[in-house]
PDB file of all heavy atoms in Angstrom:
ATOM      1  N   ARG A   1      11.049  10.914  -2.716  1.00  0.00           N
ATOM      2  CA  ARG A   1      11.648  12.074  -2.067  1.00  0.00           C
ATOM      3  C   ARG A   1      10.911  12.406  -0.786  1.00  0.00           C
ATOM      4  O   ARG A   1      10.277  13.453  -0.646  1.00  0.00           O
ATOM      5  CB  ARG A   1      11.669  13.271  -3.018  1.00  0.00           C
ATOM      6  CG  ARG A   1      12.529  13.103  -4.255  1.00  0.00           C
ATOM      7  CD  ARG A   1      12.285  14.249  -5.262  1.00  0.00           C
ATOM      8  NE  ARG A   1      12.406  15.545  -4.627  1.00  0.00           N
ATOM      9  CZ  ARG A   1      11.785  16.621  -5.088  1.00  0.00           C
ATOM     10  NH1 ARG A   1      10.984  16.563  -6.124  1.00  0.00           N
ATOM     11  NH2 ARG A   1      11.978  17.765  -4.462  1.00  0.00           N
ATOM     12  N   PHE A   2      10.962  11.527   0.166  1.00  0.00           N
ATOM     13  CA  PHE A   2      10.296  11.772   1.457  1.00  0.00           C
ATOM     14  C   PHE A   2      10.974  10.971   2.555  1.00  0.00           C
ATOM     15  O   PHE A   2      11.682   9.999   2.271  1.00  0.00           O
ATOM     16  CB  PHE A   2       8.810  11.382   1.361  1.00  0.00           C
ATOM     17  CG  PHE A   2       8.552   9.893   1.182  1.00  0.00           C
ATOM     18  CD1 PHE A   2       8.416   9.039   2.256  1.00  0.00           C
ATOM     19  CD2 PHE A   2       8.495   9.325  -0.065  1.00  0.00           C
ATOM     20  CE1 PHE A   2       8.217   7.691   2.135  1.00  0.00           C
ATOM     21  CE2 PHE A   2       8.282   7.963  -0.261  1.00  0.00           C
ATOM     22  CZ  PHE A   2       8.140   7.166   0.851  1.00  0.00           C
ATOM     23  N   GLU A   3      10.760  11.403   3.783  1.00  0.00           N
ATOM     24  CA  GLU A   3      11.221  10.672   4.939  1.00  0.00           C
ATOM     25  C   GLU A   3      10.076   9.912   5.580  1.00  0.00           C
ATOM     26  O   GLU A   3      10.221   8.719   5.927  1.00  0.00           O
ATOM     27  CB  GLU A   3      11.889  11.648   5.923  1.00  0.00           C
ATOM     28  CG  GLU A   3      13.132  12.304   5.351  1.00  0.00           C
ATOM     29  CD  GLU A   3      13.597  13.506   6.156  1.00  0.00           C
ATOM     30  OE1 GLU A   3      12.725  14.207   6.797  1.00  0.00           O
ATOM     31  OE2 GLU A   3      14.824  13.781   6.136  1.00  0.00           O
ATOM     32  N   ALA A   4       8.996  10.591   5.788  1.00  0.00           N
ATOM     33  CA  ALA A   4       7.742   9.939   6.301  1.00  0.00           C
ATOM     34  C   ALA A   4       6.563  10.604   5.646  1.00  0.00           C
ATOM     35  O   ALA A   4       6.604  11.781   5.274  1.00  0.00           O
ATOM     36  CB  ALA A   4       7.715  10.028   7.821  1.00  0.00           C
ATOM     37  N   VAL A   5       5.478   9.863   5.531  1.00  0.00           N
ATOM     38  CA  VAL A   5       4.240  10.410   4.923  1.00  0.00           C
ATOM     39  C   VAL A   5       3.070  10.030   5.812  1.00  0.00           C
ATOM     40  O   VAL A   5       3.030   8.973   6.468  1.00  0.00           O
ATOM     41  CB  VAL A   5       3.982   9.848   3.505  1.00  0.00           C
ATOM     42  CG1 VAL A   5       5.049  10.360   2.522  1.00  0.00           C
ATOM     43  CG2 VAL A   5       3.935   8.336   3.465  1.00  0.00           C
ATOM     44  N   LEU A   6       2.108  10.909   5.851  1.00  0.00           N
ATOM     45  CA  LEU A   6       0.824  10.636   6.516  1.00  0.00           C
ATOM     46  C   LEU A   6      -0.235  10.578   5.443  1.00  0.00           C
ATOM     47  O   LEU A   6      -0.585  11.596   4.867  1.00  0.00           O
ATOM     48  CB  LEU A   6       0.488  11.633   7.572  1.00  0.00           C
ATOM     49  CG  LEU A   6      -0.444  11.149   8.711  1.00  0.00           C
ATOM     50  CD1 LEU A   6      -0.182  11.889   9.995  1.00  0.00           C
ATOM     51  CD2 LEU A   6      -1.894  11.266   8.295  1.00  0.00           C
ATOM     52  N   LEU A   7      -0.715   9.365   5.127  1.00  0.00           N
ATOM     53  CA  LEU A   7      -1.609   9.133   4.030  1.00  0.00           C
ATOM     54  C   LEU A   7      -2.667   8.111   4.405  1.00  0.00           C
ATOM     55  O   LEU A   7      -2.710   7.624   5.515  1.00  0.00           O
ATOM     56  CB  LEU A   7      -0.807   8.613   2.822  1.00  0.00           C
ATOM     57  CG  LEU A   7      -0.070   9.632   1.949  1.00  0.00           C
ATOM     58  CD1 LEU A   7       0.792   8.940   0.912  1.00  0.00           C
ATOM     59  CD2 LEU A   7      -1.088  10.561   1.256  1.00  0.00           C
ATOM     60  N   GLY A   8      -3.540   7.800   3.440  1.00  0.00           N
ATOM     61  CA  GLY A   8      -4.537   6.772   3.661  1.00  0.00           C
ATOM     62  C   GLY A   8      -4.659   5.851   2.466  1.00  0.00           C
ATOM     63  O   GLY A   8      -4.345   6.263   1.339  1.00  0.00           O
ATOM     64  N   TRP A   9      -5.060   4.631   2.690  1.00  0.00           N
ATOM     65  CA  TRP A   9      -5.367   3.706   1.623  1.00  0.00           C
ATOM     66  C   TRP A   9      -6.839   3.397   1.615  1.00  0.00           C
ATOM     67  O   TRP A   9      -7.446   3.104   2.640  1.00  0.00           O
ATOM     68  CB  TRP A   9      -4.613   2.377   1.803  1.00  0.00           C
ATOM     69  CG  TRP A   9      -3.198   2.313   1.383  1.00  0.00           C
ATOM     70  CD1 TRP A   9      -2.108   2.086   2.178  1.00  0.00           C
ATOM     71  CD2 TRP A   9      -2.676   2.521   0.063  1.00  0.00           C
ATOM     72  NE1 TRP A   9      -0.964   2.122   1.437  1.00  0.00           N
ATOM     73  CE2 TRP A   9      -1.275   2.390   0.135  1.00  0.00           C
ATOM     74  CE3 TRP A   9      -3.268   2.794  -1.164  1.00  0.00           C
ATOM     75  CZ2 TRP A   9      -0.458   2.535  -0.979  1.00  0.00           C
ATOM     76  CZ3 TRP A   9      -2.448   2.935  -2.290  1.00  0.00           C
ATOM     77  CH2 TRP A   9      -1.071   2.792  -2.190  1.00  0.00           C
ATOM     78  N   ALA A  10      -7.455   3.471   0.429  1.00  0.00           N
ATOM     79  CA  ALA A  10      -8.768   2.888   0.232  1.00  0.00           C
ATOM     80  C   ALA A  10      -8.508   1.484  -0.322  1.00  0.00           C
ATOM     81  O   ALA A  10      -7.919   1.333  -1.369  1.00  0.00           O
ATOM     82  CB  ALA A  10      -9.578   3.718  -0.759  1.00  0.00           C
ATOM     83  N   ILE A  11      -8.915   0.482   0.421  1.00  0.00           N
ATOM     84  CA  ILE A  11      -8.570  -0.910   0.053  1.00  0.00           C
ATOM     85  C   ILE A  11      -9.735  -1.573  -0.610  1.00  0.00           C
ATOM     86  O   ILE A  11     -10.917  -1.177  -0.430  1.00  0.00           O
ATOM     87  CB  ILE A  11      -8.096  -1.704   1.295  1.00  0.00           C
ATOM     88  CG1 ILE A  11      -9.143  -1.689   2.383  1.00  0.00           C
ATOM     89  CG2 ILE A  11      -6.780  -1.163   1.771  1.00  0.00           C
ATOM     90  CD1 ILE A  11      -8.748  -2.522   3.611  1.00  0.00           C
ATOM     91  N   GLY A  12      -9.460  -2.588  -1.425  1.00  0.00           N
ATOM     92  CA  GLY A  12     -10.521  -3.311  -2.120  1.00  0.00           C
ATOM     93  C   GLY A  12     -11.315  -4.244  -1.233  1.00  0.00           C
ATOM     94  O   GLY A  12     -10.984  -4.475  -0.049  1.00  0.00           O
ATOM     95  N   MET A  13     -12.397  -4.777  -1.776  1.00  0.00           N
ATOM     96  CA  MET A  13     -13.226  -5.719  -1.054  1.00  0.00           C
ATOM     97  C   MET A  13     -12.497  -7.041  -0.801  1.00  0.00           C
ATOM     98  O   MET A  13     -12.730  -7.698   0.221  1.00  0.00           O
ATOM     99  CB  MET A  13     -14.510  -5.991  -1.800  1.00  0.00           C
ATOM    100  CG  MET A  13     -15.335  -4.762  -2.103  1.00  0.00           C
ATOM    101  SD  MET A  13     -16.163  -4.168  -0.616  1.00  0.00           S
ATOM    102  CE  MET A  13     -17.118  -2.826  -1.289  1.00  0.00           C
ATOM    103  N   ASP A  14     -11.615  -7.425  -1.726  1.00  0.00           N
ATOM    104  CA  ASP A  14     -10.884  -8.662  -1.522  1.00  0.00           C
ATOM    105  C   ASP A  14      -9.671  -8.417  -0.620  1.00  0.00           C
ATOM    106  O   ASP A  14      -9.161  -7.260  -0.569  1.00  0.00           O
ATOM    107  CB  ASP A  14     -10.404  -9.226  -2.878  1.00  0.00           C
ATOM    108  CG  ASP A  14      -9.828 -10.624  -2.758  1.00  0.00           C
ATOM    109  OD1 ASP A  14     -10.592 -11.574  -2.745  1.00  0.00           O
ATOM    110  OD2 ASP A  14      -8.580 -10.739  -2.634  1.00  0.00           O
ATOM    111  N   ALA A  15      -9.232  -9.443   0.039  1.00  0.00           N
ATOM    112  CA  ALA A  15      -8.166  -9.305   1.046  1.00  0.00           C
ATOM    113  C   ALA A  15      -6.742  -9.174   0.442  1.00  0.00           C
ATOM    114  O   ALA A  15      -5.817  -8.752   1.153  1.00  0.00           O
ATOM    115  CB  ALA A  15      -8.176 -10.489   2.000  1.00  0.00           C
ATOM    116  N   ASP A  16      -6.595  -9.468  -0.812  1.00  0.00           N
ATOM    117  CA  ASP A  16      -5.260  -9.471  -1.410  1.00  0.00           C
ATOM    118  C   ASP A  16      -4.691  -8.055  -1.474  1.00  0.00           C
ATOM    119  O   ASP A  16      -5.278  -7.130  -2.044  1.00  0.00           O
ATOM    120  CB  ASP A  16      -5.346 -10.050  -2.841  1.00  0.00           C
ATOM    121  CG  ASP A  16      -4.000 -10.128  -3.528  1.00  0.00           C
ATOM    122  OD1 ASP A  16      -2.991 -10.194  -2.800  1.00  0.00           O
ATOM    123  OD2 ASP A  16      -3.990 -10.174  -4.761  1.00  0.00           O
ATOM    124  N   GLN A  17      -3.508  -7.863  -0.858  1.00  0.00           N
ATOM    125  CA  GLN A  17      -2.834  -6.564  -0.891  1.00  0.00           C
ATOM    126  C   GLN A  17      -1.417  -6.703  -1.424  1.00  0.00           C
ATOM    127  O   GLN A  17      -0.476  -6.040  -0.977  1.00  0.00           O
ATOM    128  CB  GLN A  17      -2.840  -5.897   0.477  1.00  0.00           C
ATOM    129  CG  GLN A  17      -4.243  -5.486   0.934  1.00  0.00           C
ATOM    130  CD  GLN A  17      -4.215  -4.616   2.181  1.00  0.00           C
ATOM    131  OE1 GLN A  17      -3.221  -3.997   2.508  1.00  0.00           O
ATOM    132  NE2 GLN A  17      -5.321  -4.593   2.862  1.00  0.00           N
ATOM    133  N   TYR A  18      -1.266  -7.575  -2.409  1.00  0.00           N
ATOM    134  CA  TYR A  18       0.009  -7.838  -3.018  1.00  0.00           C
ATOM    135  C   TYR A  18       0.673  -6.567  -3.523  1.00  0.00           C
ATOM    136  O   TYR A  18       1.887  -6.358  -3.330  1.00  0.00           O
ATOM    137  CB  TYR A  18      -0.237  -8.811  -4.193  1.00  0.00           C
ATOM    138  CG  TYR A  18       1.016  -9.367  -4.845  1.00  0.00           C
ATOM    139  CD1 TYR A  18       1.517 -10.635  -4.497  1.00  0.00           C
ATOM    140  CD2 TYR A  18       1.687  -8.663  -5.857  1.00  0.00           C
ATOM    141  CE1 TYR A  18       2.635 -11.141  -5.125  1.00  0.00           C
ATOM    142  CE2 TYR A  18       2.797  -9.190  -6.480  1.00  0.00           C
ATOM    143  CZ  TYR A  18       3.258 -10.404  -6.112  1.00  0.00           C
ATOM    144  OH  TYR A  18       4.374 -10.967  -6.736  1.00  0.00           O
ATOM    145  N   ASP A  19      -0.086  -5.706  -4.151  1.00  0.00           N
ATOM    146  CA  ASP A  19       0.469  -4.511  -4.761  1.00  0.00           C
ATOM    147  C   ASP A  19       1.063  -3.498  -3.768  1.00  0.00           C
ATOM    148  O   ASP A  19       1.886  -2.683  -4.136  1.00  0.00           O
ATOM    149  CB  ASP A  19      -0.572  -3.787  -5.623  1.00  0.00           C
ATOM    150  CG  ASP A  19      -0.961  -4.563  -6.874  1.00  0.00           C
ATOM    151  OD1 ASP A  19      -0.070  -5.333  -7.339  1.00  0.00           O
ATOM    152  OD2 ASP A  19      -2.062  -4.414  -7.372  1.00  0.00           O
ATOM    153  N   ILE A  20       0.583  -3.566  -2.528  1.00  0.00           N
ATOM    154  CA  ILE A  20       1.051  -2.638  -1.500  1.00  0.00           C
ATOM    155  C   ILE A  20       2.289  -3.178  -0.749  1.00  0.00           C
ATOM    156  O   ILE A  20       3.216  -2.435  -0.446  1.00  0.00           O
ATOM    157  CB  ILE A  20      -0.061  -2.309  -0.492  1.00  0.00           C
ATOM    158  CG1 ILE A  20      -1.229  -1.608  -1.217  1.00  0.00           C
ATOM    159  CG2 ILE A  20       0.465  -1.439   0.668  1.00  0.00           C
ATOM    160  CD1 ILE A  20      -2.411  -1.366  -0.301  1.00  0.00           C
ATOM    161  N   TRP A  21       2.314  -4.493  -0.519  1.00  0.00           N
ATOM    162  CA  TRP A  21       3.326  -5.045   0.423  1.00  0.00           C
ATOM    163  C   TRP A  21       4.379  -5.945  -0.209  1.00  0.00           C
ATOM    164  O   TRP A  21       5.423  -6.192   0.402  1.00  0.00           O
ATOM    165  CB  TRP A  21       2.609  -5.842   1.507  1.00  0.00           C
ATOM    166  CG  TRP A  21       1.702  -4.951   2.325  1.00  0.00           C
ATOM    167  CD1 TRP A  21       0.355  -4.962   2.346  1.00  0.00           C
ATOM    168  CD2 TRP A  21       2.095  -3.912   3.222  1.00  0.00           C
ATOM    169  NE1 TRP A  21      -0.153  -4.014   3.201  1.00  0.00           N
ATOM    170  CE2 TRP A  21       0.929  -3.354   3.744  1.00  0.00           C
ATOM    171  CE3 TRP A  21       3.330  -3.395   3.631  1.00  0.00           C
ATOM    172  CZ2 TRP A  21       0.935  -2.281   4.670  1.00  0.00           C
ATOM    173  CZ3 TRP A  21       3.356  -2.350   4.514  1.00  0.00           C
ATOM    174  CH2 TRP A  21       2.177  -1.780   5.029  1.00  0.00           C
ATOM    175  N   HIS A  22       4.204  -6.399  -1.446  1.00  0.00           N
ATOM    176  CA  HIS A  22       5.197  -7.315  -2.020  1.00  0.00           C
ATOM    177  C   HIS A  22       6.461  -6.565  -2.420  1.00  0.00           C
ATOM    178  O   HIS A  22       6.414  -5.457  -2.918  1.00  0.00           O
ATOM    179  CB  HIS A  22       4.604  -8.031  -3.248  1.00  0.00           C
ATOM    180  CG  HIS A  22       5.387  -9.287  -3.613  1.00  0.00           C
ATOM    181  ND1 HIS A  22       6.527  -9.222  -4.373  1.00  0.00           N
ATOM    182  CD2 HIS A  22       5.193 -10.574  -3.263  1.00  0.00           C
ATOM    183  CE1 HIS A  22       6.998 -10.462  -4.537  1.00  0.00           C
ATOM    184  NE2 HIS A  22       6.215 -11.297  -3.867  1.00  0.00           N
ATOM    185  N   SER A  23       7.598  -7.162  -2.149  1.00  0.00           N
ATOM    186  CA  SER A  23       8.876  -6.514  -2.365  1.00  0.00           C
ATOM    187  C   SER A  23       9.172  -6.211  -3.849  1.00  0.00           C
ATOM    188  O   SER A  23      10.049  -5.413  -4.144  1.00  0.00           O
ATOM    189  CB  SER A  23      10.021  -7.340  -1.792  1.00  0.00           C
ATOM    190  OG  SER A  23      10.104  -8.600  -2.472  1.00  0.00           O
ATOM    191  N   SER A  24       8.430  -6.836  -4.742  1.00  0.00           N
ATOM    192  CA  SER A  24       8.651  -6.561  -6.185  1.00  0.00           C
ATOM    193  C   SER A  24       7.909  -5.337  -6.672  1.00  0.00           C
ATOM    194  O   SER A  24       8.094  -4.915  -7.807  1.00  0.00           O
ATOM    195  CB  SER A  24       8.173  -7.804  -7.000  1.00  0.00           C
ATOM    196  OG  SER A  24       6.751  -7.938  -6.910  1.00  0.00           O
ATOM    197  N   LYS A  25       7.061  -4.738  -5.839  1.00  0.00           N
ATOM    198  CA  LYS A  25       6.192  -3.638  -6.293  1.00  0.00           C
ATOM    199  C   LYS A  25       6.683  -2.285  -5.844  1.00  0.00           C
ATOM    200  O   LYS A  25       5.934  -1.456  -5.339  1.00  0.00           O
ATOM    201  CB  LYS A  25       4.751  -3.879  -5.797  1.00  0.00           C
ATOM    202  CG  LYS A  25       4.217  -5.266  -6.068  1.00  0.00           C
ATOM    203  CD  LYS A  25       4.277  -5.654  -7.542  1.00  0.00           C
ATOM    204  CE  LYS A  25       3.292  -4.923  -8.353  1.00  0.00           C
ATOM    205  NZ  LYS A  25       3.279  -5.382  -9.767  1.00  0.00           N
TER     206      LYS A  25
END
């Protein structure tokens, strides 16, 4: 229920960001 959000991500040490960008998630 939003149009745009201003947020932040704390990312892991490993480069894999599958959970954020993959279309299945």
